[in-house]
Amino acid sequence: MTGVQTCALPISKKLGPGRYSEGVRAAEPEYRAGFAPYHAVIANTTLPPRGPKGSPENIDRVRAIAEALHDQKINK
């Protein structure tokens, strides 16, 4: 289950079938609050420069984000 589904499904079930989109909107503040620490980590992570398409430098960019998010999760 994704983060949106975790927040939105209980609210949508409470609102009734056919109102999933309303449940998602109603869950937005809760979702934002849960994602905020990770958003801050992503925004504050310094990435190495991009390389050409398919280059190892681009994997280093992914690695930098993955390590920063992992550190956030472990040190929560």
N, C-alpha and C. Protein backbone atom coordinates (compact mmCIF):
# COMPACT_ATOMS: atom_id res chain seq x y z
N MET A 1 0.84 -1.18 0.00
CA MET A 1 0.00 0.00 0.00
C MET A 1 0.89 1.24 0.00
N THR A 2 0.56 2.23 -0.81
CA THR A 2 1.35 3.45 -0.87
C THR A 2 0.96 4.36 0.28
N GLY A 3 1.74 5.41 0.49
CA GLY A 3 1.43 6.37 1.55
C GLY A 3 0.08 7.01 1.38
N VAL A 4 -0.26 7.34 0.14
CA VAL A 4 -1.57 7.95 -0.13
C VAL A 4 -2.67 6.98 0.25
N GLN A 5 -2.51 5.72 -0.13
CA GLN A 5 -3.53 4.73 0.16
C GLN A 5 -3.66 4.51 1.66
N THR A 6 -2.56 4.52 2.38
CA THR A 6 -2.59 4.31 3.82
C THR A 6 -3.43 5.39 4.49
N CYS A 7 -3.28 6.63 4.04
CA CYS A 7 -4.04 7.74 4.62
C CYS A 7 -5.45 7.81 4.05
N ALA A 8 -5.56 7.61 2.75
CA ALA A 8 -6.82 7.89 2.07
C ALA A 8 -7.83 6.77 2.17
N LEU A 9 -7.39 5.51 2.20
CA LEU A 9 -8.36 4.42 2.19
C LEU A 9 -9.29 4.43 3.38
N PRO A 10 -8.80 4.58 4.62
CA PRO A 10 -9.74 4.60 5.73
C PRO A 10 -10.75 5.75 5.62
N ILE A 11 -10.29 6.90 5.17
CA ILE A 11 -11.19 8.04 5.03
C ILE A 11 -12.18 7.80 3.90
N SER A 12 -11.71 7.22 2.78
CA SER A 12 -12.62 6.95 1.66
C SER A 12 -13.68 5.92 2.05
N LYS A 13 -13.26 4.91 2.80
CA LYS A 13 -14.23 3.90 3.23
C LYS A 13 -15.29 4.53 4.13
N LYS A 14 -14.85 5.45 4.96
CA LYS A 14 -15.79 6.15 5.84
C LYS A 14 -16.77 7.00 5.02
N LEU A 15 -16.27 7.63 3.96
CA LEU A 15 -17.11 8.47 3.12
C LEU A 15 -18.02 7.65 2.21
N GLY A 16 -17.62 6.43 1.89
CA GLY A 16 -18.45 5.57 1.06
C GLY A 16 -17.86 5.35 -0.31
N PRO A 17 -18.33 4.27 -0.99
CA PRO A 17 -17.81 3.97 -2.32
C PRO A 17 -18.12 5.11 -3.30
N GLY A 18 -17.27 5.24 -4.26
CA GLY A 18 -17.47 6.29 -5.26
C GLY A 18 -16.95 7.64 -4.80
N ARG A 19 -16.40 7.69 -3.61
CA ARG A 19 -15.91 8.97 -3.09
C ARG A 19 -14.42 8.89 -2.76
N TYR A 20 -13.73 8.03 -3.49
CA TYR A 20 -12.29 7.84 -3.26
C TYR A 20 -11.55 9.17 -3.39
N SER A 21 -11.88 9.93 -4.43
CA SER A 21 -11.16 11.19 -4.65
C SER A 21 -11.37 12.15 -3.48
N GLU A 22 -12.56 12.14 -2.90
CA GLU A 22 -12.80 12.98 -1.72
C GLU A 22 -11.98 12.49 -0.54
N GLY A 23 -11.85 11.17 -0.42
CA GLY A 23 -11.03 10.60 0.65
C GLY A 23 -9.57 10.98 0.50
N VAL A 24 -9.09 10.98 -0.73
CA VAL A 24 -7.70 11.38 -0.99
C VAL A 24 -7.51 12.84 -0.60
N ARG A 25 -8.44 13.69 -1.01
CA ARG A 25 -8.34 15.11 -0.65
C ARG A 25 -8.41 15.30 0.86
N ALA A 26 -9.27 14.56 1.53
CA ALA A 26 -9.41 14.70 2.98
C ALA A 26 -8.15 14.22 3.71
N ALA A 27 -7.44 13.27 3.10
CA ALA A 27 -6.23 12.73 3.73
C ALA A 27 -4.98 13.56 3.43
N GLU A 28 -5.10 14.57 2.59
CA GLU A 28 -3.92 15.33 2.17
C GLU A 28 -3.12 15.90 3.34
N PRO A 29 -3.74 16.54 4.34
CA PRO A 29 -2.93 17.09 5.43
C PRO A 29 -2.13 16.01 6.18
N GLU A 30 -2.75 14.87 6.39
CA GLU A 30 -2.06 13.78 7.08
C GLU A 30 -0.90 13.25 6.24
N TYR A 31 -1.14 13.13 4.94
CA TYR A 31 -0.09 12.66 4.03
C TYR A 31 1.07 13.65 3.99
N ARG A 32 0.74 14.94 3.88
CA ARG A 32 1.79 15.96 3.85
C ARG A 32 2.63 15.92 5.11
N ALA A 33 1.98 15.78 6.26
CA ALA A 33 2.70 15.74 7.53
C ALA A 33 3.63 14.53 7.59
N GLY A 34 3.17 13.39 7.10
CA GLY A 34 4.00 12.19 7.12
C GLY A 34 5.16 12.25 6.14
N PHE A 35 4.97 12.92 5.02
CA PHE A 35 6.01 12.99 3.98
C PHE A 35 6.98 14.15 4.21
N ALA A 36 6.59 15.13 5.00
CA ALA A 36 7.39 16.35 5.19
C ALA A 36 8.84 16.09 5.56
N PRO A 37 9.14 15.19 6.50
CA PRO A 37 10.55 14.98 6.84
C PRO A 37 11.36 14.45 5.65
N TYR A 38 10.76 13.60 4.84
CA TYR A 38 11.46 13.03 3.69
C TYR A 38 11.60 14.07 2.58
N HIS A 39 10.60 14.91 2.42
CA HIS A 39 10.69 16.00 1.44
C HIS A 39 11.84 16.92 1.80
N ALA A 40 11.98 17.22 3.09
CA ALA A 40 13.07 18.09 3.54
C ALA A 40 14.43 17.46 3.24
N VAL A 41 14.55 16.15 3.47
CA VAL A 41 15.81 15.46 3.20
C VAL A 41 16.14 15.54 1.71
N ILE A 42 15.16 15.28 0.86
CA ILE A 42 15.38 15.33 -0.59
C ILE A 42 15.79 16.74 -1.02
N ALA A 43 15.07 17.73 -0.50
CA ALA A 43 15.34 19.12 -0.88
C ALA A 43 16.73 19.58 -0.42
N ASN A 44 17.21 19.03 0.69
CA ASN A 44 18.50 19.48 1.25
C ASN A 44 19.68 18.60 0.88
N THR A 45 19.45 17.60 0.04
CA THR A 45 20.54 16.72 -0.38
C THR A 45 21.28 17.34 -1.57
N THR A 46 22.59 17.43 -1.44
CA THR A 46 23.41 17.95 -2.53
C THR A 46 23.74 16.79 -3.46
N LEU A 47 23.37 16.95 -4.70
CA LEU A 47 23.59 15.89 -5.69
C LEU A 47 24.86 16.16 -6.49
N PRO A 48 25.56 15.10 -6.85
CA PRO A 48 26.70 15.28 -7.76
C PRO A 48 26.18 15.70 -9.14
N PRO A 49 27.04 16.25 -9.98
CA PRO A 49 26.58 16.69 -11.29
C PRO A 49 26.06 15.53 -12.15
N ARG A 50 25.12 15.87 -13.03
CA ARG A 50 24.59 14.87 -13.97
C ARG A 50 25.66 14.48 -14.98
N GLY A 51 25.57 13.24 -15.38
CA GLY A 51 26.45 12.76 -16.43
C GLY A 51 25.64 12.52 -17.69
N PRO A 52 26.28 12.05 -18.73
CA PRO A 52 25.56 11.72 -19.96
C PRO A 52 24.57 10.58 -19.70
N LYS A 53 23.63 10.44 -20.57
CA LYS A 53 22.62 9.38 -20.44
C LYS A 53 23.29 8.03 -20.26
N GLY A 54 22.87 7.30 -19.21
CA GLY A 54 23.40 5.97 -18.96
C GLY A 54 24.73 5.92 -18.22
N SER A 55 25.25 7.07 -17.80
CA SER A 55 26.57 7.08 -17.17
C SER A 55 26.48 6.74 -15.67
N PRO A 56 27.57 6.24 -15.12
CA PRO A 56 27.60 5.91 -13.69
C PRO A 56 27.39 7.14 -12.79
N GLU A 57 27.71 8.31 -13.29
CA GLU A 57 27.52 9.53 -12.49
C GLU A 57 26.04 9.70 -12.12
N ASN A 58 25.15 9.27 -12.99
CA ASN A 58 23.72 9.41 -12.70
C ASN A 58 23.28 8.44 -11.60
N ILE A 59 23.90 7.27 -11.56
CA ILE A 59 23.62 6.33 -10.48
C ILE A 59 24.11 6.91 -9.15
N ASP A 60 25.20 7.66 -9.19
CA ASP A 60 25.69 8.31 -7.98
C ASP A 60 24.67 9.31 -7.44
N ARG A 61 23.92 9.94 -8.32
CA ARG A 61 22.86 10.88 -7.89
C ARG A 61 21.75 10.12 -7.17
N VAL A 62 21.37 8.99 -7.73
CA VAL A 62 20.34 8.16 -7.10
C VAL A 62 20.84 7.66 -5.75
N ARG A 63 22.10 7.23 -5.72
CA ARG A 63 22.70 6.72 -4.49
C ARG A 63 22.68 7.80 -3.39
N ALA A 64 22.98 9.03 -3.75
CA ALA A 64 22.99 10.12 -2.77
C ALA A 64 21.60 10.30 -2.14
N ILE A 65 20.56 10.25 -2.95
CA ILE A 65 19.19 10.37 -2.42
C ILE A 65 18.84 9.16 -1.57
N ALA A 66 19.17 7.96 -2.07
CA ALA A 66 18.84 6.73 -1.34
C ALA A 66 19.53 6.71 0.02
N GLU A 67 20.79 7.09 0.07
CA GLU A 67 21.51 7.09 1.35
C GLU A 67 20.95 8.13 2.31
N ALA A 68 20.62 9.31 1.79
CA ALA A 68 20.06 10.36 2.65
C ALA A 68 18.70 9.93 3.22
N LEU A 69 17.86 9.34 2.38
CA LEU A 69 16.55 8.88 2.85
C LEU A 69 16.69 7.72 3.85
N HIS A 70 17.64 6.85 3.58
CA HIS A 70 17.89 5.73 4.50
C HIS A 70 18.34 6.25 5.87
N ASP A 71 19.26 7.20 5.86
CA ASP A 71 19.72 7.80 7.11
C ASP A 71 18.58 8.44 7.87
N GLN A 72 17.68 9.12 7.16
CA GLN A 72 16.51 9.75 7.79
C GLN A 72 15.63 8.68 8.44
N LYS A 73 15.43 7.59 7.74
CA LYS A 73 14.55 6.52 8.25
C LYS A 73 15.17 5.86 9.49
N ILE A 74 16.46 5.59 9.44
CA ILE A 74 17.15 4.91 10.54
C ILE A 74 17.24 5.82 11.77
N ASN A 75 17.48 7.11 11.56
CA ASN A 75 17.68 8.04 12.66
C ASN A 75 16.41 8.72 13.12
N LYS A 76 15.28 8.24 12.67
CA LYS A 76 13.98 8.84 12.99
C LYS A 76 13.75 8.97 14.46
